[in-house]
C-alpha atoms as a PDB file:
ATOM      1  CA  UNK A   1      93.346 107.891 123.878  1.00  0.00           C
ATOM      2  CA  UNK A   2      94.949 108.277 120.471  1.00  0.00           C
ATOM      3  CA  UNK A   3      97.356 111.211 120.170  1.00  0.00           C
ATOM      4  CA  UNK A   4      96.767 113.513 117.210  1.00  0.00           C
ATOM      5  CA  UNK A   5      99.651 114.375 114.941  1.00  0.00           C
ATOM      6  CA  UNK A   6     100.415 118.028 114.441  1.00  0.00           C
ATOM      7  CA  UNK A   7     102.435 117.460 111.301  1.00  0.00           C
ATOM      8  CA  UNK A   8     101.505 118.613 107.854  1.00  0.00           C
ATOM      9  CA  UNK A   9     102.598 116.503 104.899  1.00  0.00           C
ATOM     10  CA  UNK A  10     103.279 118.576 101.810  1.00  0.00           C
ATOM     11  CA  UNK A  11     103.241 116.644  98.525  1.00  0.00           C
ATOM     12  CA  UNK A  12     106.003 117.888  96.269  1.00  0.00           C
ATOM     13  CA  UNK A  13     105.938 114.938  93.879  1.00  0.00           C
ATOM     14  CA  UNK A  14     103.962 116.594  91.128  1.00  0.00           C
ATOM     15  CA  UNK A  15     106.087 118.935  89.118  1.00  0.00           C
ATOM     16  CA  UNK A  16     104.521 122.043  87.656  1.00  0.00           C
ATOM     17  CA  UNK A  17     106.430 121.742  84.404  1.00  0.00           C
ATOM     18  CA  UNK A  18     109.187 119.707  82.839  1.00  0.00           C
ATOM     19  CA  UNK A  19     112.697 121.108  82.927  1.00  0.00           C
ATOM     20  CA  UNK A  20     113.795 122.927  79.797  1.00  0.00           C
ATOM     21  CA  UNK A  21     116.453 121.505  77.501  1.00  0.00           C
ATOM     22  CA  UNK A  22     118.876 124.041  78.981  1.00  0.00           C
ATOM     23  CA  UNK A  23     118.112 122.838  82.508  1.00  0.00           C
ATOM     24  CA  UNK A  24     118.585 119.221  81.443  1.00  0.00           C
ATOM     25  CA  UNK A  25     121.911 120.050  79.772  1.00  0.00           C
ATOM     26  CA  UNK A  26     123.095 121.908  82.897  1.00  0.00           C
ATOM     27  CA  UNK A  27     122.070 118.926  85.023  1.00  0.00           C
ATOM     28  CA  UNK A  28     123.876 116.522  82.666  1.00  0.00           C
ATOM     29  CA  UNK A  29     127.008 118.659  82.336  1.00  0.00           C
ATOM     30  CA  UNK A  30     129.851 116.878  84.088  1.00  0.00           C
ATOM     31  CA  UNK A  31     127.855 113.663  84.556  1.00  0.00           C
ATOM     32  CA  UNK A  32     129.446 110.464  83.283  1.00  0.00           C
ATOM     33  CA  UNK A  33     127.161 107.730  81.950  1.00  0.00           C
ATOM     34  CA  UNK A  34     128.667 104.252  81.705  1.00  0.00           C
ATOM     35  CA  UNK A  35     127.314 102.088  78.867  1.00  0.00           C
ATOM     36  CA  UNK A  36     127.217  98.409  79.780  1.00  0.00           C
ATOM     37  CA  UNK A  37     126.441  95.634  77.302  1.00  0.00           C
ATOM     38  CA  UNK A  38     128.058  92.901  75.300  1.00  0.00           C
ATOM     39  CA  UNK A  39     130.217  94.632  72.724  1.00  0.00           C
ATOM     40  CA  UNK A  40     130.584  92.779  69.437  1.00  0.00           C
ATOM     41  CA  UNK A  41     126.899  92.024  68.886  1.00  0.00           C
ATOM     42  CA  UNK A  42     125.624  95.428  70.084  1.00  0.00           C
ATOM     43  CA  UNK A  43     127.966  97.870  68.333  1.00  0.00           C
ATOM     44  CA  UNK A  44     125.133  99.872  66.765  1.00  0.00           C
ATOM     45  CA  UNK A  45     123.224  99.987  70.052  1.00  0.00           C
ATOM     46  CA  UNK A  46     126.324 101.184  71.923  1.00  0.00           C
ATOM     47  CA  UNK A  47     126.901 103.936  69.348  1.00  0.00           C
ATOM     48  CA  UNK A  48     123.239 104.989  69.632  1.00  0.00           C
ATOM     49  CA  UNK A  49     123.534 105.050  73.434  1.00  0.00           C
ATOM     50  CA  UNK A  50     126.630 107.256  73.227  1.00  0.00           C
ATOM     51  CA  UNK A  51     124.794 109.631  70.869  1.00  0.00           C
ATOM     52  CA  UNK A  52     121.763 109.813  73.175  1.00  0.00           C
ATOM     53  CA  UNK A  53     123.953 110.514  76.202  1.00  0.00           C
ATOM     54  CA  UNK A  54     125.823 113.268  74.354  1.00  0.00           C
ATOM     55  CA  UNK A  55     122.496 114.691  73.105  1.00  0.00           C
ATOM     56  CA  UNK A  56     121.440 115.470  76.689  1.00  0.00           C
ATOM     57  CA  UNK A  57     124.857 116.911  77.548  1.00  0.00           C
ATOM     58  CA  UNK A  58     126.483 114.103  79.527  1.00  0.00           C
ATOM     59  CA  UNK A  59     129.697 112.201  78.829  1.00  0.00           C
ATOM     60  CA  UNK A  60     129.305 108.626  77.576  1.00  0.00           C
ATOM     61  CA  UNK A  61     131.776 106.125  79.044  1.00  0.00           C
ATOM     62  CA  UNK A  62     132.376 103.087  76.831  1.00  0.00           C
ATOM     63  CA  UNK A  63     134.992 100.366  77.217  1.00  0.00           C
ATOM     64  CA  UNK A  64     136.098 100.714  73.598  1.00  0.00           C
ATOM     65  CA  UNK A  65     137.022 104.347  74.275  1.00  0.00           C
ATOM     66  CA  UNK A  66     139.119 103.720  77.407  1.00  0.00           C
ATOM     67  CA  UNK A  67     142.506 103.682  75.700  1.00  0.00           C
ATOM     68  CA  UNK A  68     145.572 101.897  77.055  1.00  0.00           C
ATOM     69  CA  UNK A  69     145.528 101.099  80.778  1.00  0.00           C
ATOM     70  CA  UNK A  70     147.931  99.677  83.308  1.00  0.00           C
ATOM     71  CA  UNK A  71     145.240  97.588  85.010  1.00  0.00           C
ATOM     72  CA  UNK A  72     143.555  94.524  83.503  1.00  0.00           C
ATOM     73  CA  UNK A  73     140.266  94.932  81.661  1.00  0.00           C
ATOM     74  CA  UNK A  74     138.147  93.776  84.617  1.00  0.00           C
ATOM     75  CA  UNK A  75     139.662  96.358  86.936  1.00  0.00           C
ATOM     76  CA  UNK A  76     139.452  99.036  84.229  1.00  0.00           C
ATOM     77  CA  UNK A  77     135.718  98.699  83.645  1.00  0.00           C
ATOM     78  CA  UNK A  78     134.963  98.480  87.368  1.00  0.00           C
ATOM     79  CA  UNK A  79     136.990 101.640  87.986  1.00  0.00           C
ATOM     80  CA  UNK A  80     135.078 103.448  85.225  1.00  0.00           C
ATOM     81  CA  UNK A  81     131.742 102.304  86.655  1.00  0.00           C
ATOM     82  CA  UNK A  82     132.793 103.760  90.028  1.00  0.00           C
ATOM     83  CA  UNK A  83     133.795 107.063  88.375  1.00  0.00           C
ATOM     84  CA  UNK A  84     130.451 107.296  86.570  1.00  0.00           C
ATOM     85  CA  UNK A  85     127.214 108.765  87.873  1.00  0.00           C
ATOM     86  CA  UNK A  86     124.766 106.630  85.897  1.00  0.00           C
ATOM     87  CA  UNK A  87     124.929 103.161  84.360  1.00  0.00           C
ATOM     88  CA  UNK A  88     122.967 102.345  81.193  1.00  0.00           C
ATOM     89  CA  UNK A  89     122.604  98.619  80.570  1.00  0.00           C
ATOM     90  CA  UNK A  90     121.636  97.289  77.141  1.00  0.00           C
ATOM     91  CA  UNK A  91     120.560  93.643  76.953  1.00  0.00           C
ATOM     92  CA  UNK A  92     119.650  91.570  73.919  1.00  0.00           C
ATOM     93  CA  UNK A  93     120.353  87.875  73.355  1.00  0.00           C
ATOM     94  CA  UNK A  94     123.755  87.220  74.927  1.00  0.00           C
ATOM     95  CA  UNK A  95     124.815  87.178  78.575  1.00  0.00           C
ATOM     96  CA  UNK A  96     128.429  87.585  77.499  1.00  0.00           C
ATOM     97  CA  UNK A  97     131.605  85.622  78.086  1.00  0.00           C
ATOM     98  CA  UNK A  98     132.028  84.447  81.648  1.00  0.00           C
ATOM     99  CA  UNK A  99     135.047  85.951  83.378  1.00  0.00           C
ATOM    100  CA  UNK A 100     137.165  84.106  85.982  1.00  0.00           C
ATOM    101  CA  UNK A 101     134.643  85.378  88.570  1.00  0.00           C
ATOM    102  CA  UNK A 102     131.960  83.249  86.878  1.00  0.00           C
ATOM    103  CA  UNK A 103     130.043  86.322  85.714  1.00  0.00           C
ATOM    104  CA  UNK A 104     130.017  88.192  82.428  1.00  0.00           C
ATOM    105  CA  UNK A 105     131.612  91.643  82.243  1.00  0.00           C
ATOM    106  CA  UNK A 106     128.137  93.173  81.847  1.00  0.00           C
ATOM    107  CA  UNK A 107     126.873  91.469  84.999  1.00  0.00           C
ATOM    108  CA  UNK A 108     130.045  92.453  86.900  1.00  0.00           C
ATOM    109  CA  UNK A 109     129.521  96.075  85.798  1.00  0.00           C
ATOM    110  CA  UNK A 110     125.935  95.893  87.067  1.00  0.00           C
ATOM    111  CA  UNK A 111     127.067  94.531  90.433  1.00  0.00           C
ATOM    112  CA  UNK A 112     129.732  97.255  90.715  1.00  0.00           C
ATOM    113  CA  UNK A 113     127.166  99.958  89.912  1.00  0.00           C
ATOM    114  CA  UNK A 114     124.732  98.533  92.454  1.00  0.00           C
ATOM    115  CA  UNK A 115     127.426  98.278  95.140  1.00  0.00           C
ATOM    116  CA  UNK A 116     128.292 101.956  94.624  1.00  0.00           C
ATOM    117  CA  UNK A 117     124.665 103.154  94.477  1.00  0.00           C
ATOM    118  CA  UNK A 118     124.753 104.349  90.866  1.00  0.00           C
ATOM    119  CA  UNK A 119     121.565 105.180  89.006  1.00  0.00           C
ATOM    120  CA  UNK A 120     120.741 102.134  86.851  1.00  0.00           C
ATOM    121  CA  UNK A 121     118.774 102.326  83.604  1.00  0.00           C
ATOM    122  CA  UNK A 122     118.184  99.094  81.668  1.00  0.00           C
ATOM    123  CA  UNK A 123     117.007  98.616  78.091  1.00  0.00           C
ATOM    124  CA  UNK A 124     115.953  95.243  76.651  1.00  0.00           C
ATOM    125  CA  UNK A 125     115.767  94.287  72.970  1.00  0.00           C
ATOM    126  CA  UNK A 126     112.097  93.325  72.604  1.00  0.00           C
ATOM    127  CA  UNK A 127     112.633  91.701  69.199  1.00  0.00           C
ATOM    128  CA  UNK A 128     114.473  88.742  70.746  1.00  0.00           C
ATOM    129  CA  UNK A 129     112.175  86.054  72.181  1.00  0.00           C
ATOM    130  CA  UNK A 130     113.293  84.654  75.532  1.00  0.00           C
ATOM    131  CA  UNK A 131     113.750  81.248  73.871  1.00  0.00           C
ATOM    132  CA  UNK A 132     116.541  82.795  71.771  1.00  0.00           C
ATOM    133  CA  UNK A 133     118.299  84.425  74.728  1.00  0.00           C
ATOM    134  CA  UNK A 134     121.241  82.891  76.531  1.00  0.00           C
ATOM    135  CA  UNK A 135     120.020  80.943  79.573  1.00  0.00           C
ATOM    136  CA  UNK A 136     122.215  82.947  81.936  1.00  0.00           C
ATOM    137  CA  UNK A 137     120.736  86.170  80.550  1.00  0.00           C
ATOM    138  CA  UNK A 138     117.191  84.890  81.106  1.00  0.00           C
ATOM    139  CA  UNK A 139     118.112  84.102  84.703  1.00  0.00           C
ATOM    140  CA  UNK A 140     119.575  87.567  85.189  1.00  0.00           C
ATOM    141  CA  UNK A 141     116.486  89.156  83.624  1.00  0.00           C
ATOM    142  CA  UNK A 142     114.323  87.476  86.264  1.00  0.00           C
ATOM    143  CA  UNK A 143     116.506  89.119  88.920  1.00  0.00           C
ATOM    144  CA  UNK A 144     116.373  92.495  87.148  1.00  0.00           C
ATOM    145  CA  UNK A 145     112.583  92.430  86.786  1.00  0.00           C
ATOM    146  CA  UNK A 146     112.275  92.056  90.566  1.00  0.00           C
ATOM    147  CA  UNK A 147     114.407  95.158  91.229  1.00  0.00           C
ATOM    148  CA  UNK A 148     114.080  97.467  88.208  1.00  0.00           C
ATOM    149  CA  UNK A 149     111.798  98.627  85.446  1.00  0.00           C
ATOM    150  CA  UNK A 150     113.344  97.717  82.105  1.00  0.00           C
ATOM    151  CA  UNK A 151     112.518  99.780  79.021  1.00  0.00           C
ATOM    152  CA  UNK A 152     112.046  97.731  75.876  1.00  0.00           C
ATOM    153  CA  UNK A 153     113.151  98.739  72.406  1.00  0.00           C
ATOM    154  CA  UNK A 154     112.725  97.301  68.917  1.00  0.00           C
ATOM    155  CA  UNK A 155     115.100  99.387  66.816  1.00  0.00           C
ATOM    156  CA  UNK A 156     118.324 101.275  67.407  1.00  0.00           C
ATOM    157  CA  UNK A 157     116.389 104.526  66.951  1.00  0.00           C
ATOM    158  CA  UNK A 158     113.854 103.388  69.596  1.00  0.00           C
ATOM    159  CA  UNK A 159     116.745 102.675  71.950  1.00  0.00           C
ATOM    160  CA  UNK A 160     118.327 106.066  71.352  1.00  0.00           C
ATOM    161  CA  UNK A 161     115.040 107.873  72.043  1.00  0.00           C
ATOM    162  CA  UNK A 162     114.330 105.725  75.097  1.00  0.00           C
ATOM    163  CA  UNK A 163     117.748 106.492  76.603  1.00  0.00           C
ATOM    164  CA  UNK A 164     117.257 110.219  75.948  1.00  0.00           C
ATOM    165  CA  UNK A 165     113.817 110.118  77.580  1.00  0.00           C
ATOM    166  CA  UNK A 166     115.055 108.134  80.576  1.00  0.00           C
ATOM    167  CA  UNK A 167     117.917 110.558  81.178  1.00  0.00           C
ATOM    168  CA  UNK A 168     115.504 113.496  80.903  1.00  0.00           C
ATOM    169  CA  UNK A 169     113.177 111.842  83.421  1.00  0.00           C
ATOM    170  CA  UNK A 170     116.108 111.313  85.766  1.00  0.00           C
ATOM    171  CA  UNK A 171     117.039 114.971  85.348  1.00  0.00           C
ATOM    172  CA  UNK A 172     113.470 116.024  86.088  1.00  0.00           C
ATOM    173  CA  UNK A 173     113.432 113.914  89.240  1.00  0.00           C
ATOM    174  CA  UNK A 174     116.680 115.476  90.449  1.00  0.00           C
ATOM    175  CA  UNK A 175     115.850 119.034  89.365  1.00  0.00           C
ATOM    176  CA  UNK A 176     112.360 118.873  90.904  1.00  0.00           C
ATOM    177  CA  UNK A 177     112.756 117.062  94.240  1.00  0.00           C
ATOM    178  CA  UNK A 178     110.140 114.371  94.715  1.00  0.00           C
ATOM    179  CA  UNK A 179     110.277 114.094  98.470  1.00  0.00           C
ATOM    180  CA  UNK A 180     107.358 114.760 100.739  1.00  0.00           C
ATOM    181  CA  UNK A 181     108.432 117.131 103.465  1.00  0.00           C
ATOM    182  CA  UNK A 182     107.159 116.869 107.011  1.00  0.00           C
ATOM    183  CA  UNK A 183     106.674 120.185 108.725  1.00  0.00           C
ATOM    184  CA  UNK A 184     106.102 120.209 112.472  1.00  0.00           C
ATOM    185  CA  UNK A 185     103.421 122.725 113.458  1.00  0.00           C
ATOM    186  CA  UNK A 186     103.011 121.487 117.032  1.00  0.00           C
ATOM    187  CA  UNK A 187     104.184 124.809 118.479  1.00  0.00           C
ATOM    188  CA  UNK A 188     101.584 126.663 116.337  1.00  0.00           C
ATOM    189  CA  UNK A 189      98.559 124.465 117.038  1.00  0.00           C
ATOM    190  CA  UNK A 190      96.770 127.013 119.232  1.00  0.00           C
ATOM    191  CA  UNK A 191      95.920 124.411 121.887  1.00  0.00           C
END
């Protein structure tokens, strides 16, 4: 005979309303968002990302803003990834220069963020055909598509808006918990 469950599942995934700008800014206050990408070819995109992050009230973390450090560059960016709450990855046509590890700095930042369970948000330049992308980047994209949803952008303004929207969605998810709760009513079943 099959035993009946006396548990009630309450769906709390549907939010009643989106958080206000003030709620989003409070959520973002004190959060550090690491911007990961190749640097020389994506200067405008990195600046737009920093603006979008500041617009929602968080602190952008960019390698070019680190200042002088005692550690080498590889250790510096990994340390900053670990100190950050969220990692924003921007990908276009270049994988980046391979480091002694065999990986680009951008890929190493991704691995560090993954290893430390950081929120990962990726944005892909949709104006670059895959045939014009570095082969290593195309390989990495295949890996990313299996584990993440990548937002695509066509202009720097699109990217900025997409980052803002993604951070707001993350705030909404954290402000309005999306977990189903199981409540045990077995002692109140009346049987």
